[in-house]
Amino acid sequence: MDATDFYMSLPYDVSGSRSKNRFRVELLWGISKMLDAYDRADFTMIFDYVCDIELHSNGCFEFYQLKSRKGTKVYTADSITKIEANSKNSILGKLYMLKPAVEDGQDVKLAIVSNAYLKCGKTTYCDNAEQPLAAIDAKQLDNIRESLKKELGIENCDFENVYYICTPMNLVEPENDVRGKLI
């Protein structure tokens, strides 16, 4: 099965009206990302097919899974690899299963995007807008690797070009950020 057939065989997101309000944030973050990518010669944005936001451009594929948290609650290595009762995959698992969808020689970027910080062990990652997962605490990375191996039935987990993005976008009134970029 080639990469296109594999991608098209993946289940698409049908979460429906229960996530309608979250879709507004996804849409506006995606529009903001589109404005950032506007200087590229040619690109395609896909909203809510397999991932929340996808950016396909000149042999490069970027997949973004958006997650928001209220208050000061953080994400942890356990929470991004936990399979919830109403889901088949964890947050990271849903992203990571897209790696085979890309053919050799093409670049792929996977990212969890959230307003919440990532806390792995005693370290809270909030300084960088894009935190490479490969650079987090080694013990926590090993735990993530083992969780993904079990969840997806794979042997090798490569975390190159896999990120956690703590977005500075105002998730209460995200349209203000988009308006600011347009102005």
Protein backbone atom coordinates (compact mmCIF):
# COMPACT_ATOMS: atom_id res chain seq x y z
CA MET A 1 0.00 0.00 0.00
CA ASP A 2 1.48 3.34 -0.99
CA ALA A 3 1.48 6.40 1.27
CA THR A 4 -1.57 8.02 -0.36
CA ASP A 5 -3.67 4.87 0.00
CA PHE A 6 -2.54 4.53 3.63
CA TYR A 7 -3.47 8.15 4.41
CA MET A 8 -6.86 7.85 2.73
CA SER A 9 -7.60 4.66 4.68
CA LEU A 10 -7.14 6.38 8.04
CA PRO A 11 -10.33 7.11 9.97
CA TYR A 12 -11.43 10.71 9.65
CA ASP A 13 -12.62 12.83 12.53
CA VAL A 14 -16.39 12.78 13.05
CA SER A 15 -16.63 14.24 16.53
CA GLY A 16 -19.60 16.40 15.58
CA SER A 17 -21.44 19.03 17.56
CA ARG A 18 -19.93 18.15 20.95
CA SER A 19 -16.73 19.84 19.82
CA LYS A 20 -18.31 22.71 17.87
CA ASN A 21 -16.86 25.41 20.13
CA ARG A 22 -13.41 23.83 20.00
CA PHE A 23 -13.62 23.80 16.22
CA ARG A 24 -13.82 27.60 16.29
CA VAL A 25 -10.43 27.71 18.03
CA GLU A 26 -9.02 25.13 15.60
CA LEU A 27 -10.31 27.11 12.64
CA LEU A 28 -8.85 30.40 13.88
CA TRP A 29 -5.49 28.81 14.84
CA GLY A 30 -5.45 27.21 11.37
CA ILE A 31 -6.13 30.56 9.72
CA SER A 32 -3.29 32.05 11.76
CA LYS A 33 -1.03 29.20 10.61
CA MET A 34 -2.18 29.82 7.02
CA LEU A 35 -1.13 33.45 7.31
CA ASP A 36 2.29 32.30 8.60
CA ALA A 37 2.62 29.96 5.59
CA TYR A 38 1.46 32.57 3.10
CA ASP A 39 5.02 33.23 1.87
CA ARG A 40 5.34 29.63 0.62
CA ALA A 41 5.00 29.19 -3.12
CA ASP A 42 2.22 26.62 -2.93
CA PHE A 43 0.44 24.95 -0.02
CA THR A 44 -2.79 23.24 0.92
CA MET A 45 -4.49 23.50 4.32
CA ILE A 46 -6.77 20.71 5.45
CA PHE A 47 -9.08 21.17 8.42
CA ASP A 48 -10.45 18.26 10.46
CA TYR A 49 -9.76 15.31 8.22
CA VAL A 50 -7.37 13.01 10.10
CA CYS A 51 -5.81 15.70 12.28
CA ASP A 52 -7.23 19.02 13.36
CA ILE A 53 -4.98 21.02 11.01
CA GLU A 54 -2.78 19.79 8.16
CA LEU A 55 -0.41 21.82 6.01
CA HIS A 56 0.86 20.15 2.82
CA SER A 57 3.54 22.01 0.88
CA ASN A 58 6.19 20.95 -1.66
CA GLY A 59 6.88 17.48 -0.27
CA CYS A 60 6.50 18.65 3.33
CA PHE A 61 3.58 17.56 5.48
CA GLU A 62 2.70 19.16 8.83
CA PHE A 63 0.08 17.63 11.09
CA TYR A 64 -1.26 19.52 14.12
CA GLN A 65 -3.48 18.21 16.89
CA LEU A 66 -4.99 21.07 18.95
CA LYS A 67 -5.79 20.58 22.62
CA SER A 68 -6.86 23.24 25.08
CA ARG A 69 -6.94 23.24 28.84
CA LYS A 70 -8.71 25.56 31.26
CA GLY A 71 -6.82 27.29 34.01
CA THR A 72 -3.31 26.22 34.92
CA LYS A 73 -3.67 22.49 34.21
CA VAL A 74 -0.68 21.12 32.26
CA TYR A 75 -0.15 18.22 29.89
CA THR A 76 2.24 15.45 30.93
CA ALA A 77 3.96 12.56 29.18
CA ASP A 78 1.24 10.32 30.61
CA SER A 79 -1.66 12.53 29.51
CA ILE A 80 -0.49 12.82 25.88
CA THR A 81 -0.06 9.03 25.64
CA LYS A 82 -3.17 7.98 27.58
CA ILE A 83 -5.93 6.39 25.52
CA GLU A 84 -9.22 7.83 26.72
CA ALA A 85 -12.27 5.59 27.11
CA ASN A 86 -14.07 7.07 24.10
CA SER A 87 -11.05 6.99 21.77
CA LYS A 88 -8.96 4.43 19.92
CA ASN A 89 -5.74 6.41 20.18
CA SER A 90 -3.93 8.75 22.52
CA ILE A 91 -3.30 12.37 21.55
CA LEU A 92 0.27 11.57 20.47
CA GLY A 93 -0.69 8.19 19.01
CA LYS A 94 -3.20 9.81 16.67
CA LEU A 95 -0.42 12.05 15.37
CA TYR A 96 2.34 9.45 15.32
CA MET A 97 0.34 6.98 13.22
CA LEU A 98 0.63 9.51 10.37
CA LYS A 99 4.40 8.94 10.00
CA PRO A 100 3.89 6.00 7.58
CA ALA A 101 1.54 8.17 5.49
CA VAL A 102 4.55 10.04 4.18
CA GLU A 103 6.80 8.58 1.51
CA ASP A 104 10.58 8.32 1.89
CA GLY A 105 12.32 11.58 1.06
CA GLN A 106 9.39 13.71 2.18
CA ASP A 107 9.47 15.73 5.38
CA VAL A 108 6.85 15.29 8.06
CA LYS A 109 6.25 17.43 11.12
CA LEU A 110 3.96 16.29 13.92
CA ALA A 111 2.87 18.67 16.67
CA ILE A 112 0.52 18.84 19.59
CA VAL A 113 -0.62 22.46 19.95
CA SER A 114 -2.01 23.67 23.26
CA ASN A 115 -2.45 26.66 25.50
CA ALA A 116 -1.19 24.47 28.37
CA TYR A 117 2.44 23.85 29.25
CA LEU A 118 4.07 20.43 28.93
CA LYS A 119 5.43 19.04 32.19
CA CYS A 120 7.66 15.97 32.03
CA GLY A 121 9.03 14.84 35.36
CA LYS A 122 10.18 17.90 37.25
CA THR A 123 10.65 20.03 34.13
CA THR A 124 7.98 22.29 32.70
CA TYR A 125 8.51 23.12 29.05
CA CYS A 126 7.16 26.57 28.34
CA ASP A 127 10.18 28.61 27.21
CA ASN A 128 10.11 27.60 23.54
CA ALA A 129 7.17 28.08 21.24
CA GLU A 130 8.07 24.69 19.72
CA GLN A 131 9.44 22.10 22.13
CA PRO A 132 11.05 19.14 20.31
CA LEU A 133 9.91 15.95 22.06
CA ALA A 134 13.33 14.46 21.34
CA ALA A 135 14.82 17.04 23.75
CA ILE A 136 12.69 16.29 26.82
CA ASP A 137 13.83 14.32 29.86
CA ALA A 138 15.24 10.93 28.71
CA LYS A 139 13.24 8.89 31.23
CA GLN A 140 10.00 10.59 30.19
CA LEU A 141 10.86 10.09 26.51
CA ASP A 142 11.43 6.37 27.17
CA ASN A 143 7.99 6.18 28.81
CA ILE A 144 6.43 7.89 25.79
CA ARG A 145 8.29 5.53 23.45
CA GLU A 146 7.03 2.45 25.35
CA SER A 147 3.45 3.76 25.36
CA LEU A 148 3.51 4.35 21.61
CA LYS A 149 5.06 0.94 20.92
CA LYS A 150 2.24 -0.70 22.88
CA GLU A 151 -0.52 1.47 21.41
CA LEU A 152 0.53 1.34 17.75
CA GLY A 153 2.32 -2.00 17.67
CA ILE A 154 5.55 -0.54 16.31
CA GLU A 155 9.16 -1.28 17.17
CA ASN A 156 11.00 1.98 16.55
CA CYS A 157 9.79 5.41 17.62
CA ASP A 158 11.69 8.28 16.08
CA PHE A 159 10.92 11.67 17.64
CA GLU A 160 12.71 13.80 15.06
CA ASN A 161 10.30 16.53 13.90
CA VAL A 162 7.79 15.76 16.67
CA TYR A 163 6.91 18.81 18.76
CA TYR A 164 4.81 20.18 21.56
CA ILE A 165 3.77 23.75 20.77
CA CYS A 166 2.55 25.95 23.57
CA THR A 167 0.58 28.54 21.67
CA PRO A 168 0.46 32.12 22.87
CA MET A 169 -2.85 32.57 21.01
CA ASN A 170 -5.64 33.93 23.16
CA LEU A 171 -7.97 30.93 23.24
CA VAL A 172 -10.77 32.90 24.89
CA GLU A 173 -10.96 35.41 22.02
CA PRO A 174 -8.76 33.89 19.28
CA GLU A 175 -10.28 36.04 16.56
CA ASN A 176 -8.36 39.03 18.00
CA ASP A 177 -5.02 37.36 17.19
CA VAL A 178 -6.12 36.62 13.61
CA ARG A 179 -7.35 40.19 13.17
CA GLY A 180 -4.00 41.46 14.42
CA LYS A 181 -2.11 39.38 11.84
CA LEU A 182 -4.39 40.58 9.07
CA ILE A 183 -3.87 44.21 10.01
